[in-house]
Amino acid sequence: MEHNKTNTALLFMDMQQGILGGYPGDTTLLAKVAEAIAGARTQHIPVIYAVIGFRKGTPEVSPNNKSLSARKGGFDVINMDEFMKVHPDITPQEEDITIIKRRVSAFTGSDLEVILRSLDVQHLVLTGIATGGVVLATLIEATDKDYRLSVLSDCCADPEDEVHQLLMTKIFSKRADILTVEEWCQR
């Protein structure tokens, strides 16, 4: 498939200090992410950062949400402003857009869809951590919303490499183009 970069946006998800610290190899990941950002900016592709964050007391976290409610106590005791800061190696520039999401998917509890519509984005290029969390949830929702999708495999990470590999080769490849940063920047 020919890749037209018109109507495309590059989406970085959960690349924030409060999350990245738990990932081995984050230096390599951050270098690849920085490469993707540079490539997008060179081609005038919007760069969008999605970070997860909550209000004091985490009123957005329901006890019915098994994943988030298990972490609620930890969220209550951290400085959420610090937690939500994007890693300094890939700090957003003035022209970049940052959205705050309240759930795993970048769409849920955020204004991402409004931003994408206003920019006339039809093709999303996804990156993020964890592959089995935000990338999976956002990819499935974006598929249902009829976006064309690409996933930059070397700009995603998961605590379990087997999960990352399985998702890229068996699940994501049926819904999106799977590319490395180098392949995407050369198109």
C-alpha atoms as a PDB file:
ATOM      1  CA  MET A   1       0.000   0.000   0.000  1.00  0.00           C
ATOM      2  CA  GLU A   2       1.304   3.459  -0.909  1.00  0.00           C
ATOM      3  CA  HIS A   3       1.613   5.689   2.126  1.00  0.00           C
ATOM      4  CA  ASN A   4       0.430   9.236   1.698  1.00  0.00           C
ATOM      5  CA  LYS A   5       1.569  11.351   4.618  1.00  0.00           C
ATOM      6  CA  THR A   6      -1.119  13.949   3.987  1.00  0.00           C
ATOM      7  CA  ASN A   7      -3.829  13.772   6.636  1.00  0.00           C
ATOM      8  CA  THR A   8      -1.455  11.851   8.902  1.00  0.00           C
ATOM      9  CA  ALA A   9      -0.631  12.410  12.572  1.00  0.00           C
ATOM     10  CA  LEU A  10       2.040  10.791  14.724  1.00  0.00           C
ATOM     11  CA  LEU A  11       0.671   9.760  18.134  1.00  0.00           C
ATOM     12  CA  PHE A  12       2.965   9.122  21.115  1.00  0.00           C
ATOM     13  CA  MET A  13       1.185   7.462  24.014  1.00  0.00           C
ATOM     14  CA  ASP A  14       2.225   7.264  27.670  1.00  0.00           C
ATOM     15  CA  MET A  15       5.810   8.356  26.953  1.00  0.00           C
ATOM     16  CA  GLN A  16       5.854  10.100  30.293  1.00  0.00           C
ATOM     17  CA  GLN A  17       8.407  10.033  33.069  1.00  0.00           C
ATOM     18  CA  GLY A  18       6.106   8.287  35.520  1.00  0.00           C
ATOM     19  CA  ILE A  19       5.763   5.308  33.170  1.00  0.00           C
ATOM     20  CA  LEU A  20       9.025   5.116  31.213  1.00  0.00           C
ATOM     21  CA  GLY A  21      11.137   4.485  34.305  1.00  0.00           C
ATOM     22  CA  GLY A  22       9.697   0.978  34.559  1.00  0.00           C
ATOM     23  CA  TYR A  23      10.950  -0.100  31.151  1.00  0.00           C
ATOM     24  CA  PRO A  24      14.372  -1.614  30.561  1.00  0.00           C
ATOM     25  CA  GLY A  25      15.969  -0.334  27.395  1.00  0.00           C
ATOM     26  CA  ASP A  26      14.152   2.975  27.573  1.00  0.00           C
ATOM     27  CA  THR A  27      17.263   4.740  26.200  1.00  0.00           C
ATOM     28  CA  THR A  28      17.018   2.798  22.928  1.00  0.00           C
ATOM     29  CA  LEU A  29      13.263   3.337  22.796  1.00  0.00           C
ATOM     30  CA  LEU A  30      13.625   7.078  23.389  1.00  0.00           C
ATOM     31  CA  ALA A  31      16.243   7.361  20.615  1.00  0.00           C
ATOM     32  CA  LYS A  32      13.837   5.694  18.153  1.00  0.00           C
ATOM     33  CA  VAL A  33      10.980   7.913  19.313  1.00  0.00           C
ATOM     34  CA  ALA A  34      13.136  11.025  18.858  1.00  0.00           C
ATOM     35  CA  GLU A  35      13.946   9.814  15.330  1.00  0.00           C
ATOM     36  CA  ALA A  36      10.236   9.429  14.544  1.00  0.00           C
ATOM     37  CA  ILE A  37       9.485  12.902  15.911  1.00  0.00           C
ATOM     38  CA  ALA A  38      12.251  14.435  13.796  1.00  0.00           C
ATOM     39  CA  GLY A  39      10.932  12.632  10.715  1.00  0.00           C
ATOM     40  CA  ALA A  40       7.385  13.853  11.352  1.00  0.00           C
ATOM     41  CA  ARG A  41       8.479  17.434  11.867  1.00  0.00           C
ATOM     42  CA  THR A  42      10.566  17.376   8.673  1.00  0.00           C
ATOM     43  CA  GLN A  43       7.443  16.298   6.774  1.00  0.00           C
ATOM     44  CA  HIS A  44       5.134  18.723   8.628  1.00  0.00           C
ATOM     45  CA  ILE A  45       3.157  15.874  10.180  1.00  0.00           C
ATOM     46  CA  PRO A  46       1.412  16.843  13.435  1.00  0.00           C
ATOM     47  CA  VAL A  47       2.955  15.329  16.554  1.00  0.00           C
ATOM     48  CA  ILE A  48       0.459  14.473  19.285  1.00  0.00           C
ATOM     49  CA  TYR A  49       1.339  13.303  22.779  1.00  0.00           C
ATOM     50  CA  ALA A  50      -1.228  11.403  24.842  1.00  0.00           C
ATOM     51  CA  VAL A  51      -0.521  11.162  28.564  1.00  0.00           C
ATOM     52  CA  ILE A  52      -2.576   9.474  31.234  1.00  0.00           C
ATOM     53  CA  GLY A  53      -3.416  11.522  34.282  1.00  0.00           C
ATOM     54  CA  PHE A  54      -5.983  11.988  37.001  1.00  0.00           C
ATOM     55  CA  ARG A  55      -7.302  14.675  39.328  1.00  0.00           C
ATOM     56  CA  LYS A  56      -6.360  14.695  43.012  1.00  0.00           C
ATOM     57  CA  GLY A  57      -8.083  11.766  44.654  1.00  0.00           C
ATOM     58  CA  THR A  58      -8.484  10.008  41.279  1.00  0.00           C
ATOM     59  CA  PRO A  59     -12.258  10.439  41.021  1.00  0.00           C
ATOM     60  CA  GLU A  60     -12.013   9.143  37.427  1.00  0.00           C
ATOM     61  CA  VAL A  61     -10.925   5.673  38.610  1.00  0.00           C
ATOM     62  CA  SER A  62     -13.892   3.389  39.154  1.00  0.00           C
ATOM     63  CA  PRO A  63     -13.647   0.391  41.481  1.00  0.00           C
ATOM     64  CA  ASN A  64     -15.158  -1.558  38.557  1.00  0.00           C
ATOM     65  CA  ASN A  65     -12.005  -0.952  36.485  1.00  0.00           C
ATOM     66  CA  LYS A  66      -9.773  -3.812  37.622  1.00  0.00           C
ATOM     67  CA  SER A  67      -6.583  -2.486  36.028  1.00  0.00           C
ATOM     68  CA  LEU A  68      -6.743   1.147  37.136  1.00  0.00           C
ATOM     69  CA  SER A  69      -8.350   0.564  40.529  1.00  0.00           C
ATOM     70  CA  ALA A  70      -5.448  -1.745  41.449  1.00  0.00           C
ATOM     71  CA  ARG A  71      -3.158   1.285  41.042  1.00  0.00           C
ATOM     72  CA  LYS A  72      -5.456   3.896  42.580  1.00  0.00           C
ATOM     73  CA  GLY A  73      -3.608   4.030  45.914  1.00  0.00           C
ATOM     74  CA  GLY A  74      -0.339   4.680  44.103  1.00  0.00           C
ATOM     75  CA  PHE A  75      -1.897   7.408  41.986  1.00  0.00           C
ATOM     76  CA  ASP A  76      -3.219   9.101  45.136  1.00  0.00           C
ATOM     77  CA  VAL A  77       0.252   9.546  46.657  1.00  0.00           C
ATOM     78  CA  ILE A  78       2.271  10.711  43.641  1.00  0.00           C
ATOM     79  CA  ASN A  79       2.656  14.196  42.241  1.00  0.00           C
ATOM     80  CA  MET A  80       0.425  13.826  39.178  1.00  0.00           C
ATOM     81  CA  ASP A  81       1.944  16.863  37.434  1.00  0.00           C
ATOM     82  CA  GLU A  82       5.391  15.225  37.611  1.00  0.00           C
ATOM     83  CA  PHE A  83       3.987  11.819  36.656  1.00  0.00           C
ATOM     84  CA  MET A  84       2.384  13.263  33.490  1.00  0.00           C
ATOM     85  CA  LYS A  85       5.490  15.089  32.235  1.00  0.00           C
ATOM     86  CA  VAL A  86       6.761  13.750  28.933  1.00  0.00           C
ATOM     87  CA  HIS A  87      10.291  12.401  29.166  1.00  0.00           C
ATOM     88  CA  PRO A  88      12.790  15.283  28.670  1.00  0.00           C
ATOM     89  CA  ASP A  89      14.486  13.501  25.728  1.00  0.00           C
ATOM     90  CA  ILE A  90      11.272  13.896  23.700  1.00  0.00           C
ATOM     91  CA  THR A  91       9.754  17.039  25.181  1.00  0.00           C
ATOM     92  CA  PRO A  92       6.875  18.440  23.135  1.00  0.00           C
ATOM     93  CA  GLN A  93       7.594  21.585  21.146  1.00  0.00           C
ATOM     94  CA  GLU A  94       5.277  24.583  21.037  1.00  0.00           C
ATOM     95  CA  GLU A  95       3.550  23.388  17.846  1.00  0.00           C
ATOM     96  CA  ASP A  96       2.925  19.878  19.234  1.00  0.00           C
ATOM     97  CA  ILE A  97      -0.355  18.889  20.847  1.00  0.00           C
ATOM     98  CA  THR A  98      -0.642  17.162  24.222  1.00  0.00           C
ATOM     99  CA  ILE A  99      -3.855  15.509  25.325  1.00  0.00           C
ATOM    100  CA  ILE A 100      -4.687  14.050  28.726  1.00  0.00           C
ATOM    101  CA  LYS A 101      -6.512  10.742  28.700  1.00  0.00           C
ATOM    102  CA  ARG A 102      -8.295   9.120  31.626  1.00  0.00           C
ATOM    103  CA  ARG A 103      -8.216   5.475  30.524  1.00  0.00           C
ATOM    104  CA  VAL A 104      -5.937   3.096  28.632  1.00  0.00           C
ATOM    105  CA  SER A 105      -7.087   4.066  25.116  1.00  0.00           C
ATOM    106  CA  ALA A 106      -5.912   7.462  23.908  1.00  0.00           C
ATOM    107  CA  PHE A 107      -9.488   8.183  22.824  1.00  0.00           C
ATOM    108  CA  THR A 108     -11.257   7.486  26.119  1.00  0.00           C
ATOM    109  CA  GLY A 109     -11.683  10.491  28.358  1.00  0.00           C
ATOM    110  CA  SER A 110      -9.701  12.797  26.080  1.00  0.00           C
ATOM    111  CA  ASP A 111     -10.329  15.250  23.283  1.00  0.00           C
ATOM    112  CA  LEU A 112      -8.176  13.283  20.810  1.00  0.00           C
ATOM    113  CA  GLU A 113     -10.996  12.678  18.355  1.00  0.00           C
ATOM    114  CA  VAL A 114     -11.906  16.389  18.287  1.00  0.00           C
ATOM    115  CA  ILE A 115      -8.260  17.262  17.580  1.00  0.00           C
ATOM    116  CA  LEU A 116      -7.981  14.645  14.820  1.00  0.00           C
ATOM    117  CA  ARG A 117     -11.171  15.856  13.143  1.00  0.00           C
ATOM    118  CA  SER A 118     -10.050  19.480  13.289  1.00  0.00           C
ATOM    119  CA  LEU A 119      -6.747  18.524  11.630  1.00  0.00           C
ATOM    120  CA  ASP A 120      -8.563  16.309   9.091  1.00  0.00           C
ATOM    121  CA  VAL A 121      -6.432  13.340  10.150  1.00  0.00           C
ATOM    122  CA  GLN A 122      -7.351  10.058   8.511  1.00  0.00           C
ATOM    123  CA  HIS A 123      -4.126   8.127   9.114  1.00  0.00           C
ATOM    124  CA  LEU A 124      -2.707   7.579  12.598  1.00  0.00           C
ATOM    125  CA  VAL A 125       0.842   6.424  13.217  1.00  0.00           C
ATOM    126  CA  LEU A 126       0.916   4.831  16.674  1.00  0.00           C
ATOM    127  CA  THR A 127       3.725   4.525  19.195  1.00  0.00           C
ATOM    128  CA  GLY A 128       3.679   3.948  22.925  1.00  0.00           C
ATOM    129  CA  ILE A 129       4.080   1.907  26.034  1.00  0.00           C
ATOM    130  CA  ALA A 130       2.796  -0.590  26.755  1.00  0.00           C
ATOM    131  CA  THR A 131       2.176  -2.453  23.526  1.00  0.00           C
ATOM    132  CA  GLY A 132      -0.369  -4.636  25.317  1.00  0.00           C
ATOM    133  CA  GLY A 133      -2.021  -1.611  26.936  1.00  0.00           C
ATOM    134  CA  VAL A 134      -2.365   1.801  25.320  1.00  0.00           C
ATOM    135  CA  VAL A 135      -1.193   0.725  21.855  1.00  0.00           C
ATOM    136  CA  LEU A 136      -3.598  -2.236  21.719  1.00  0.00           C
ATOM    137  CA  ALA A 137      -6.560  -0.310  23.151  1.00  0.00           C
ATOM    138  CA  THR A 138      -6.017   2.709  20.890  1.00  0.00           C
ATOM    139  CA  LEU A 139      -5.453   0.569  17.785  1.00  0.00           C
ATOM    140  CA  ILE A 140      -8.692  -1.358  18.315  1.00  0.00           C
ATOM    141  CA  GLU A 141     -10.700   1.804  18.914  1.00  0.00           C
ATOM    142  CA  ALA A 142      -9.074   3.611  15.970  1.00  0.00           C
ATOM    143  CA  THR A 143      -9.859   0.627  13.739  1.00  0.00           C
ATOM    144  CA  ASP A 144     -13.524   0.866  14.713  1.00  0.00           C
ATOM    145  CA  LYS A 145     -13.418   4.601  13.982  1.00  0.00           C
ATOM    146  CA  ASP A 146     -12.120   3.843  10.449  1.00  0.00           C
ATOM    147  CA  TYR A 147      -8.678   5.439  10.715  1.00  0.00           C
ATOM    148  CA  ARG A 148      -5.898   4.109   8.502  1.00  0.00           C
ATOM    149  CA  LEU A 149      -3.244   2.864  10.890  1.00  0.00           C
ATOM    150  CA  SER A 150       0.471   2.288  11.055  1.00  0.00           C
ATOM    151  CA  VAL A 151       2.388   1.112  14.106  1.00  0.00           C
ATOM    152  CA  LEU A 152       6.082   1.888  14.545  1.00  0.00           C
ATOM    153  CA  SER A 153       7.220  -1.409  16.059  1.00  0.00           C
ATOM    154  CA  ASP A 154      10.508  -0.067  17.410  1.00  0.00           C
ATOM    155  CA  CYS A 155       8.720   2.868  19.089  1.00  0.00           C
ATOM    156  CA  CYS A 156       6.575   0.566  21.211  1.00  0.00           C
ATOM    157  CA  ALA A 157       7.526  -1.483  24.246  1.00  0.00           C
ATOM    158  CA  ASP A 158       5.919  -3.932  26.617  1.00  0.00           C
ATOM    159  CA  PRO A 159       7.166  -5.401  29.913  1.00  0.00           C
ATOM    160  CA  GLU A 160       6.873  -8.788  28.220  1.00  0.00           C
ATOM    161  CA  ASP A 161       8.675  -9.016  24.883  1.00  0.00           C
ATOM    162  CA  GLU A 162       6.589 -12.055  23.878  1.00  0.00           C
ATOM    163  CA  VAL A 163       3.428  -9.961  24.196  1.00  0.00           C
ATOM    164  CA  HIS A 164       4.989  -7.204  22.061  1.00  0.00           C
ATOM    165  CA  GLN A 165       6.006  -9.706  19.358  1.00  0.00           C
ATOM    166  CA  LEU A 166       2.662 -11.523  19.356  1.00  0.00           C
ATOM    167  CA  LEU A 167       0.691  -8.296  19.041  1.00  0.00           C
ATOM    168  CA  MET A 168       2.873  -6.950  16.229  1.00  0.00           C
ATOM    169  CA  THR A 169       2.884 -10.148  14.166  1.00  0.00           C
ATOM    170  CA  LYS A 170      -0.522 -11.710  14.854  1.00  0.00           C
ATOM    171  CA  ILE A 171      -2.941  -8.982  15.942  1.00  0.00           C
ATOM    172  CA  PHE A 172      -1.782  -5.547  14.801  1.00  0.00           C
ATOM    173  CA  SER A 173      -0.667  -6.690  11.349  1.00  0.00           C
ATOM    174  CA  LYS A 174      -4.299  -7.536  10.515  1.00  0.00           C
ATOM    175  CA  ARG A 175      -5.379  -3.965  11.257  1.00  0.00           C
ATOM    176  CA  ALA A 176      -2.374  -1.768  10.553  1.00  0.00           C
ATOM    177  CA  ASP A 177       0.868  -1.493   8.644  1.00  0.00           C
ATOM    178  CA  ILE A 178       3.739  -2.501  10.918  1.00  0.00           C
ATOM    179  CA  LEU A 179       6.879  -0.480  10.201  1.00  0.00           C
ATOM    180  CA  THR A 180      10.153   0.477  11.816  1.00  0.00           C
ATOM    181  CA  VAL A 181      10.950   4.167  12.220  1.00  0.00           C
ATOM    182  CA  GLU A 182      13.481   3.922   9.415  1.00  0.00           C
ATOM    183  CA  GLU A 183      10.946   2.360   7.042  1.00  0.00           C
ATOM    184  CA  TRP A 184       8.323   4.977   7.904  1.00  0.00           C
ATOM    185  CA  CYS A 185      10.691   7.936   7.507  1.00  0.00           C
ATOM    186  CA  GLN A 186      11.819   6.676   4.090  1.00  0.00           C
ATOM    187  CA  ARG A 187       8.260   6.509   2.680  1.00  0.00           C
END
